[in-house]
C-alpha atoms as a PDB file:
ATOM      1  CA  MET A   1      27.203  14.971 -15.430  1.00  0.00           C
ATOM      2  CA  PRO A   2      25.524  12.666 -13.915  1.00  0.00           C
ATOM      3  CA  SER A   3      23.371  10.232 -15.568  1.00  0.00           C
ATOM      4  CA  VAL A   4      19.779  10.195 -15.464  1.00  0.00           C
ATOM      5  CA  GLU A   5      19.562   6.582 -13.685  1.00  0.00           C
ATOM      6  CA  ARG A   6      21.733   8.013 -10.808  1.00  0.00           C
ATOM      7  CA  ILE A   7      19.612  11.363 -10.386  1.00  0.00           C
ATOM      8  CA  VAL A   8      16.211   8.841 -10.368  1.00  0.00           C
ATOM      9  CA  MET A   9      18.116   6.658  -7.719  1.00  0.00           C
ATOM     10  CA  THR A  10      19.097   9.805  -5.742  1.00  0.00           C
ATOM     11  CA  VAL A  11      15.557  11.172  -5.432  1.00  0.00           C
ATOM     12  CA  LEU A  12      14.271   7.753  -4.442  1.00  0.00           C
ATOM     13  CA  SER A  13      16.768   6.888  -1.926  1.00  0.00           C
ATOM     14  CA  GLY A  14      14.874   8.067   1.090  1.00  0.00           C
ATOM     15  CA  TRP A  15      11.397   6.641   0.188  1.00  0.00           C
ATOM     16  CA  TRP A  16      11.891   3.014  -0.788  1.00  0.00           C
ATOM     17  CA  ASP A  17      10.992   1.784   2.609  1.00  0.00           C
ATOM     18  CA  ASP A  18       8.288   4.247   2.650  1.00  0.00           C
ATOM     19  CA  PHE A  19       6.952   2.340  -0.432  1.00  0.00           C
ATOM     20  CA  PHE A  20       7.789  -1.081   0.628  1.00  0.00           C
ATOM     21  CA  PHE A  21       6.009  -0.710   3.673  1.00  0.00           C
ATOM     22  CA  GLY A  22       3.105   1.403   1.922  1.00  0.00           C
ATOM     23  CA  THR A  23       2.932  -1.557  -0.601  1.00  0.00           C
ATOM     24  CA  LEU A  24       2.057  -3.759   2.110  1.00  0.00           C
ATOM     25  CA  VAL A  25      -0.529  -1.896   3.716  1.00  0.00           C
ATOM     26  CA  VAL A  26      -1.911  -1.820   0.377  1.00  0.00           C
ATOM     27  CA  LEU A  27      -1.675  -5.920   0.020  1.00  0.00           C
ATOM     28  CA  LYS A  28      -3.342  -6.321   3.591  1.00  0.00           C
ATOM     29  CA  LEU A  29      -6.320  -4.026   2.891  1.00  0.00           C
ATOM     30  CA  PHE A  30      -6.342  -5.826  -0.302  1.00  0.00           C
ATOM     31  CA  VAL A  31      -6.520  -9.304   1.204  1.00  0.00           C
ATOM     32  CA  VAL A  32      -9.530  -7.697   4.088  1.00  0.00           C
ATOM     33  CA  ALA A  33     -11.828  -5.909   1.225  1.00  0.00           C
ATOM     34  CA  LEU A  34     -11.709  -9.062  -0.818  1.00  0.00           C
ATOM     35  CA  ILE A  35     -12.781 -11.433   1.895  1.00  0.00           C
ATOM     36  CA  LEU A  36     -15.444  -9.042   2.594  1.00  0.00           C
ATOM     37  CA  SER A  37     -16.519  -8.555  -0.831  1.00  0.00           C
ATOM     38  CA  VAL A  38     -16.966 -12.196  -1.313  1.00  0.00           C
ATOM     39  CA  ILE A  39     -19.170 -12.606   1.684  1.00  0.00           C
ATOM     40  CA  PHE A  40     -21.577  -9.822   0.940  1.00  0.00           C
ATOM     41  CA  GLY A  41     -21.268 -11.144  -2.582  1.00  0.00           C
ATOM     42  CA  LEU A  42     -22.343 -14.336  -1.712  1.00  0.00           C
ATOM     43  CA  ILE A  43     -25.442 -13.093   1.040  1.00  0.00           C
ATOM     44  CA  GLY A  44     -26.334 -10.747  -1.857  1.00  0.00           C
ATOM     45  CA  SER A  45     -26.897 -13.291  -4.554  1.00  0.00           C
ATOM     46  CA  THR A  46     -28.605 -15.800  -2.063  1.00  0.00           C
ATOM     47  CA  ALA A  47     -30.896 -12.812  -1.218  1.00  0.00           C
ATOM     48  CA  LYS A  48     -31.440 -12.083  -4.953  1.00  0.00           C
ATOM     49  CA  LEU A  49     -32.446 -15.314  -5.676  1.00  0.00           C
ATOM     50  CA  SER A  50     -34.658 -16.212  -2.438  1.00  0.00           C
ATOM     51  CA  ARG A  51     -38.326 -16.739  -2.725  1.00  0.00           C
ATOM     52  CA  ASN A  52     -38.785 -14.224   0.002  1.00  0.00           C
ATOM     53  CA  ARG A  53     -39.585 -10.961  -1.056  1.00  0.00           C
ATOM     54  CA  THR A  54     -38.010  -8.929   1.659  1.00  0.00           C
ATOM     55  CA  LEU A  55     -34.742 -10.370   0.913  1.00  0.00           C
ATOM     56  CA  ARG A  56     -35.000  -9.714  -2.549  1.00  0.00           C
ATOM     57  CA  PHE A  57     -36.005  -6.170  -2.233  1.00  0.00           C
ATOM     58  CA  PHE A  58     -32.825  -5.282   0.033  1.00  0.00           C
ATOM     59  CA  ALA A  59     -30.814  -7.391  -2.458  1.00  0.00           C
ATOM     60  CA  ASN A  60     -31.603  -5.270  -4.996  1.00  0.00           C
ATOM     61  CA  ALA A  61     -31.574  -1.806  -3.043  1.00  0.00           C
ATOM     62  CA  TYR A  62     -27.836  -2.743  -2.046  1.00  0.00           C
ATOM     63  CA  THR A  63     -26.705  -3.308  -5.728  1.00  0.00           C
ATOM     64  CA  VAL A  64     -28.593  -0.087  -6.971  1.00  0.00           C
ATOM     65  CA  ILE A  65     -26.854   1.823  -4.418  1.00  0.00           C
ATOM     66  CA  PHE A  66     -23.627   0.665  -4.131  1.00  0.00           C
ATOM     67  CA  ARG A  67     -23.145   0.514  -7.977  1.00  0.00           C
ATOM     68  CA  GLY A  68     -24.385   3.389  -8.783  1.00  0.00           C
ATOM     69  CA  THR A  69     -22.661   5.896  -6.176  1.00  0.00           C
ATOM     70  CA  PRO A  70     -18.919   6.947  -7.039  1.00  0.00           C
ATOM     71  CA  GLU A  71     -16.692   4.923  -5.057  1.00  0.00           C
ATOM     72  CA  LEU A  72     -14.924   7.705  -3.493  1.00  0.00           C
ATOM     73  CA  ILE A  73     -17.906   9.098  -2.186  1.00  0.00           C
ATOM     74  CA  VAL A  74     -19.328   6.000  -0.450  1.00  0.00           C
ATOM     75  CA  LEU A  75     -15.900   5.927   0.978  1.00  0.00           C
ATOM     76  CA  LEU A  76     -16.365   9.642   2.521  1.00  0.00           C
ATOM     77  CA  ILE A  77     -19.734   8.814   3.253  1.00  0.00           C
ATOM     78  CA  PHE A  78     -19.086   5.402   5.426  1.00  0.00           C
ATOM     79  CA  TYR A  79     -16.305   6.755   7.133  1.00  0.00           C
ATOM     80  CA  TYR A  80     -17.399   9.972   8.125  1.00  0.00           C
ATOM     81  CA  GLY A  81     -21.056   8.432   8.776  1.00  0.00           C
ATOM     82  CA  THR A  82     -19.877   5.465  10.788  1.00  0.00           C
ATOM     83  CA  ALA A  83     -17.631   7.969  12.974  1.00  0.00           C
ATOM     84  CA  ILE A  84     -20.387   9.985  13.643  1.00  0.00           C
ATOM     85  CA  SER A  85     -22.747   7.597  14.342  1.00  0.00           C
ATOM     86  CA  LEU A  86     -20.659   5.760  16.769  1.00  0.00           C
ATOM     87  CA  THR A  87     -19.812   8.951  18.562  1.00  0.00           C
ATOM     88  CA  TRP A  88     -23.596   9.586  19.204  1.00  0.00           C
ATOM     89  CA  PHE A  89     -24.218   5.792  20.207  1.00  0.00           C
ATOM     90  CA  ILE A  90     -21.097   5.677  22.738  1.00  0.00           C
ATOM     91  CA  GLN A  91     -22.169   8.899  23.827  1.00  0.00           C
ATOM     92  CA  LEU A  92     -25.764   7.769  25.368  1.00  0.00           C
ATOM     93  CA  PHE A  93     -23.365   5.780  27.614  1.00  0.00           C
ATOM     94  CA  ASN A  94     -20.758   8.305  28.206  1.00  0.00           C
ATOM     95  CA  PRO A  95     -21.046  11.721  27.447  1.00  0.00           C
ATOM     96  CA  GLN A  96     -17.503  12.576  28.070  1.00  0.00           C
ATOM     97  CA  ILE A  97     -16.386  11.062  24.527  1.00  0.00           C
ATOM     98  CA  LYS A  98     -16.120  13.697  22.621  1.00  0.00           C
ATOM     99  CA  PHE A  99     -15.811  12.246  18.980  1.00  0.00           C
ATOM    100  CA  VAL A 100     -14.888   8.352  18.089  1.00  0.00           C
ATOM    101  CA  ASP A 101     -11.807   8.504  15.189  1.00  0.00           C
ATOM    102  CA  LEU A 102     -12.591   5.230  12.839  1.00  0.00           C
ATOM    103  CA  PRO A 103      -9.446   3.362  11.865  1.00  0.00           C
ATOM    104  CA  PRO A 104      -8.705   4.599   8.193  1.00  0.00           C
ATOM    105  CA  PHE A 105      -7.851   1.163   7.404  1.00  0.00           C
ATOM    106  CA  TRP A 106     -11.279  -0.926   8.563  1.00  0.00           C
ATOM    107  CA  ALA A 107     -12.839   1.691   7.354  1.00  0.00           C
ATOM    108  CA  GLY A 108     -11.518   1.600   3.550  1.00  0.00           C
ATOM    109  CA  ALA A 109     -11.514  -2.018   3.517  1.00  0.00           C
ATOM    110  CA  THR A 110     -15.264  -2.232   4.768  1.00  0.00           C
ATOM    111  CA  ALA A 111     -16.038   0.505   2.256  1.00  0.00           C
ATOM    112  CA  ILE A 112     -14.704  -1.730  -0.591  1.00  0.00           C
ATOM    113  CA  GLY A 113     -16.079  -4.720   0.455  1.00  0.00           C
ATOM    114  CA  PHE A 114     -19.655  -3.120   0.299  1.00  0.00           C
ATOM    115  CA  ILE A 115     -18.894  -1.577  -3.220  1.00  0.00           C
ATOM    116  CA  VAL A 116     -16.965  -4.410  -4.888  1.00  0.00           C
ATOM    117  CA  GLY A 117     -19.688  -6.916  -2.932  1.00  0.00           C
ATOM    118  CA  ALA A 118     -22.660  -5.106  -4.853  1.00  0.00           C
ATOM    119  CA  TYR A 119     -21.029  -6.015  -8.150  1.00  0.00           C
ATOM    120  CA  MET A 120     -19.901  -9.890  -7.106  1.00  0.00           C
ATOM    121  CA  THR A 121     -23.572 -10.228  -6.134  1.00  0.00           C
ATOM    122  CA  GLU A 122     -24.614  -9.749  -9.705  1.00  0.00           C
ATOM    123  CA  THR A 123     -21.763 -12.218 -10.835  1.00  0.00           C
ATOM    124  CA  PHE A 124     -22.351 -14.848  -8.317  1.00  0.00           C
ATOM    125  CA  ARG A 125     -26.213 -14.517  -9.050  1.00  0.00           C
ATOM    126  CA  GLY A 126     -25.606 -15.133 -12.828  1.00  0.00           C
ATOM    127  CA  ALA A 127     -23.182 -18.132 -11.725  1.00  0.00           C
ATOM    128  CA  PHE A 128     -25.464 -20.036  -9.813  1.00  0.00           C
ATOM    129  CA  LEU A 129     -28.312 -19.725 -12.497  1.00  0.00           C
ATOM    130  CA  GLY A 130     -25.951 -21.490 -15.077  1.00  0.00           C
ATOM    131  CA  VAL A 131     -25.707 -24.476 -11.997  1.00  0.00           C
ATOM    132  CA  PRO A 132     -27.914 -27.160 -13.734  1.00  0.00           C
ATOM    133  CA  GLU A 133     -30.981 -27.573 -11.647  1.00  0.00           C
ATOM    134  CA  GLY A 134     -30.766 -31.432 -12.252  1.00  0.00           C
ATOM    135  CA  GLN A 135     -27.682 -31.577 -10.097  1.00  0.00           C
ATOM    136  CA  VAL A 136     -29.395 -29.569  -7.232  1.00  0.00           C
ATOM    137  CA  GLU A 137     -32.611 -32.009  -7.292  1.00  0.00           C
ATOM    138  CA  ALA A 138     -29.927 -35.053  -7.579  1.00  0.00           C
ATOM    139  CA  ALA A 139     -28.336 -33.547  -4.082  1.00  0.00           C
ATOM    140  CA  HIS A 140     -31.758 -33.459  -2.556  1.00  0.00           C
ATOM    141  CA  ALA A 141     -32.509 -37.075  -3.678  1.00  0.00           C
ATOM    142  CA  LEU A 142     -29.540 -38.314  -1.964  1.00  0.00           C
ATOM    143  CA  GLY A 143     -30.448 -36.595   1.398  1.00  0.00           C
ATOM    144  CA  LEU A 144     -28.175 -33.787   1.499  1.00  0.00           C
ATOM    145  CA  SER A 145     -29.622 -30.584   3.312  1.00  0.00           C
ATOM    146  CA  LYS A 146     -30.206 -27.010   1.562  1.00  0.00           C
ATOM    147  CA  ALA A 147     -27.167 -25.768   2.964  1.00  0.00           C
ATOM    148  CA  GLN A 148     -25.314 -29.203   2.372  1.00  0.00           C
ATOM    149  CA  THR A 149     -26.460 -28.793  -1.413  1.00  0.00           C
ATOM    150  CA  PHE A 150     -25.254 -25.277  -1.238  1.00  0.00           C
ATOM    151  CA  PHE A 151     -22.099 -25.358   0.095  1.00  0.00           C
ATOM    152  CA  TYR A 152     -21.158 -28.802  -2.005  1.00  0.00           C
ATOM    153  CA  VAL A 153     -23.038 -28.731  -4.777  1.00  0.00           C
ATOM    154  CA  ARG A 154     -23.745 -25.266  -5.592  1.00  0.00           C
ATOM    155  CA  VAL A 155     -20.793 -22.821  -4.722  1.00  0.00           C
ATOM    156  CA  PRO A 156     -17.983 -25.042  -6.312  1.00  0.00           C
ATOM    157  CA  GLN A 157     -19.745 -24.710  -9.787  1.00  0.00           C
ATOM    158  CA  MET A 158     -20.447 -21.300  -8.939  1.00  0.00           C
ATOM    159  CA  TRP A 159     -16.706 -20.489  -8.866  1.00  0.00           C
ATOM    160  CA  ARG A 160     -16.027 -21.802 -12.415  1.00  0.00           C
ATOM    161  CA  LEU A 161     -18.544 -19.874 -14.189  1.00  0.00           C
ATOM    162  CA  ALA A 162     -17.784 -16.771 -11.874  1.00  0.00           C
ATOM    163  CA  LEU A 163     -14.152 -16.748 -12.272  1.00  0.00           C
ATOM    164  CA  PRO A 164     -14.131 -14.468 -15.355  1.00  0.00           C
ATOM    165  CA  ASN A 165     -15.499 -11.785 -14.160  1.00  0.00           C
ATOM    166  CA  PHE A 166     -14.465 -12.421 -10.472  1.00  0.00           C
ATOM    167  CA  GLY A 167     -10.716 -11.616 -12.163  1.00  0.00           C
ATOM    168  CA  ASN A 168     -12.099  -7.892 -12.793  1.00  0.00           C
ATOM    169  CA  HIS A 169     -13.255  -7.402  -9.692  1.00  0.00           C
ATOM    170  CA  LEU A 170     -10.022  -8.724  -7.927  1.00  0.00           C
ATOM    171  CA  LEU A 171      -8.472  -5.478 -10.042  1.00  0.00           C
ATOM    172  CA  SER A 172     -11.128  -3.747  -9.231  1.00  0.00           C
ATOM    173  CA  ILE A 173     -10.467  -3.885  -5.581  1.00  0.00           C
ATOM    174  CA  MET A 174      -6.761  -3.598  -5.912  1.00  0.00           C
ATOM    175  CA  LYS A 175      -7.312  -0.323  -7.974  1.00  0.00           C
ATOM    176  CA  ASP A 176      -9.544   1.244  -5.388  1.00  0.00           C
ATOM    177  CA  THR A 177      -7.143   0.994  -2.380  1.00  0.00           C
ATOM    178  CA  ALA A 178      -6.015   4.214  -4.499  1.00  0.00           C
ATOM    179  CA  LEU A 179      -8.646   5.918  -2.773  1.00  0.00           C
ATOM    180  CA  ILE A 180      -7.833   5.177   1.039  1.00  0.00           C
ATOM    181  CA  SER A 181      -5.344   7.808   1.502  1.00  0.00           C
ATOM    182  CA  VAL A 182      -8.021  10.940   0.957  1.00  0.00           C
ATOM    183  CA  ILE A 183      -9.049   9.635   4.902  1.00  0.00           C
ATOM    184  CA  GLY A 184      -5.615   9.425   5.939  1.00  0.00           C
ATOM    185  CA  LEU A 185      -3.902   5.934   5.416  1.00  0.00           C
ATOM    186  CA  GLU A 186      -0.411   5.623   4.754  1.00  0.00           C
ATOM    187  CA  GLU A 187      -0.128   3.591   1.603  1.00  0.00           C
ATOM    188  CA  ILE A 188       1.421   3.893  -1.510  1.00  0.00           C
ATOM    189  CA  VAL A 189      -0.480   6.865  -2.678  1.00  0.00           C
ATOM    190  CA  PHE A 190      -0.151   8.891   0.571  1.00  0.00           C
ATOM    191  CA  VAL A 191       3.369   7.944   0.516  1.00  0.00           C
ATOM    192  CA  GLY A 192       3.728   9.218  -3.413  1.00  0.00           C
ATOM    193  CA  ALA A 193       1.816  12.291  -1.771  1.00  0.00           C
ATOM    194  CA  MET A 194       4.294  12.860   1.036  1.00  0.00           C
ATOM    195  CA  ALA A 195       7.706  12.178  -1.341  1.00  0.00           C
ATOM    196  CA  THR A 196       6.130  14.731  -3.979  1.00  0.00           C
ATOM    197  CA  ALA A 197       5.859  17.417  -1.391  1.00  0.00           C
ATOM    198  CA  VAL A 198       9.506  16.881  -0.111  1.00  0.00           C
ATOM    199  CA  THR A 199      11.043  16.129  -3.739  1.00  0.00           C
ATOM    200  CA  HIS A 200       9.216  18.265  -5.969  1.00  0.00           C
ATOM    201  CA  GLN A 201       9.377  15.381  -8.434  1.00  0.00           C
ATOM    202  CA  PRO A 202       5.596  14.298  -8.452  1.00  0.00           C
ATOM    203  CA  PHE A 203       5.979  12.451 -12.170  1.00  0.00           C
ATOM    204  CA  LEU A 204       8.720  10.525 -10.967  1.00  0.00           C
ATOM    205  CA  MET A 205       7.115   9.524  -7.650  1.00  0.00           C
ATOM    206  CA  TYR A 206       3.320   8.405  -8.786  1.00  0.00           C
ATOM    207  CA  MET A 207       5.183   7.110 -11.870  1.00  0.00           C
ATOM    208  CA  VAL A 208       6.291   4.742  -9.085  1.00  0.00           C
ATOM    209  CA  VAL A 209       3.386   4.137  -7.255  1.00  0.00           C
ATOM    210  CA  ALA A 210       1.511   3.032 -10.825  1.00  0.00           C
ATOM    211  CA  LEU A 211       4.214   0.961 -11.490  1.00  0.00           C
ATOM    212  CA  ILE A 212       3.773  -0.921  -7.955  1.00  0.00           C
ATOM    213  CA  TYR A 213       0.225  -1.328  -9.017  1.00  0.00           C
ATOM    214  CA  LEU A 214       0.746  -2.527 -12.230  1.00  0.00           C
ATOM    215  CA  ALA A 215       2.751  -4.914 -10.775  1.00  0.00           C
ATOM    216  CA  ILE A 216       0.286  -6.517  -8.310  1.00  0.00           C
ATOM    217  CA  THR A 217      -2.430  -6.354 -11.101  1.00  0.00           C
ATOM    218  CA  THR A 218      -0.094  -8.218 -13.569  1.00  0.00           C
ATOM    219  CA  PHE A 219       0.407 -10.788 -11.054  1.00  0.00           C
ATOM    220  CA  ILE A 220      -3.586 -11.265 -10.178  1.00  0.00           C
ATOM    221  CA  THR A 221      -4.297 -11.332 -13.754  1.00  0.00           C
ATOM    222  CA  VAL A 222      -1.709 -14.160 -14.271  1.00  0.00           C
ATOM    223  CA  SER A 223      -2.919 -15.834 -11.236  1.00  0.00           C
ATOM    224  CA  VAL A 224      -6.411 -15.736 -12.028  1.00  0.00           C
ATOM    225  CA  ALA A 225      -5.888 -17.203 -15.780  1.00  0.00           C
ATOM    226  CA  GLY A 226      -4.325 -19.936 -14.407  1.00  0.00           C
ATOM    227  CA  LEU A 227      -7.172 -20.562 -11.833  1.00  0.00           C
ATOM    228  CA  GLU A 228      -9.406 -20.289 -15.095  1.00  0.00           C
ATOM    229  CA  GLN A 229      -7.225 -23.526 -16.716  1.00  0.00           C
ATOM    230  CA  TYR A 230      -7.488 -25.248 -12.994  1.00  0.00           C
ATOM    231  CA  ALA A 231     -11.167 -25.015 -13.195  1.00  0.00           C
ATOM    232  CA  ASN A 232     -11.645 -26.369 -16.551  1.00  0.00           C
ATOM    233  CA  ARG A 233      -9.393 -28.976 -17.169  1.00  0.00           C
ATOM    234  CA  HIS A 234     -11.824 -31.369 -16.715  1.00  0.00           C
ATOM    235  CA  MET A 235     -13.769 -29.641 -19.847  1.00  0.00           C
ATOM    236  CA  ARG A 236     -10.354 -29.697 -21.840  1.00  0.00           C
ATOM    237  CA  ARG A 237     -10.038 -33.162 -21.446  1.00  0.00           C
ATOM    238  CA  ALA A 238     -13.833 -34.203 -22.174  1.00  0.00           C
ATOM    239  CA  VAL A 239     -13.459 -32.545 -25.611  1.00  0.00           C
END
């Protein structure tokens, strides 16, 4: 009788390339969503700390909406809502256009960016509040502008304080990429579903998907831990 290992390898033999390219799509999606979520988080946290009531109102509304709505619902609303809105707008200039199909990759990356950006907003806001106000005043006394103080004084110190929770947000981004298969993006969950339909081996195929995600998230966890040690190296020396 053939061994279990041989059966598993035989079942997976035609799917290795698909899982590999699906993993590349996930990694690209992760990078784009990470960049967007950091941008949204910085903008949101800055708005929350602003003295302008309007900016604070919109920042609070942003965090309440995106933190209080399930990720899958946000993704579906964003994907279909944006496609419908773009179609309506383009039809104003070209009525012959019937429907604008939004690329699943960019729809998914932007949706995840908005979702995780709402959580990063609170993380960055707390980290900004942890920066000693005396250092900000000293920067102003040295002639630095508000923008220079923000980028050269506040942001570098904020990152050290935000890193522990920032690592959790990175894991959230990676795990949220599994949702994008519902709008047709051919990543590893999509590949797992296709392989299951052909081989009728759901446990095996989704176990492969789980192991790929576990390997990536483990790498992220170890990398963030290394960044934390590097960021706090001066504090350890002082002690």
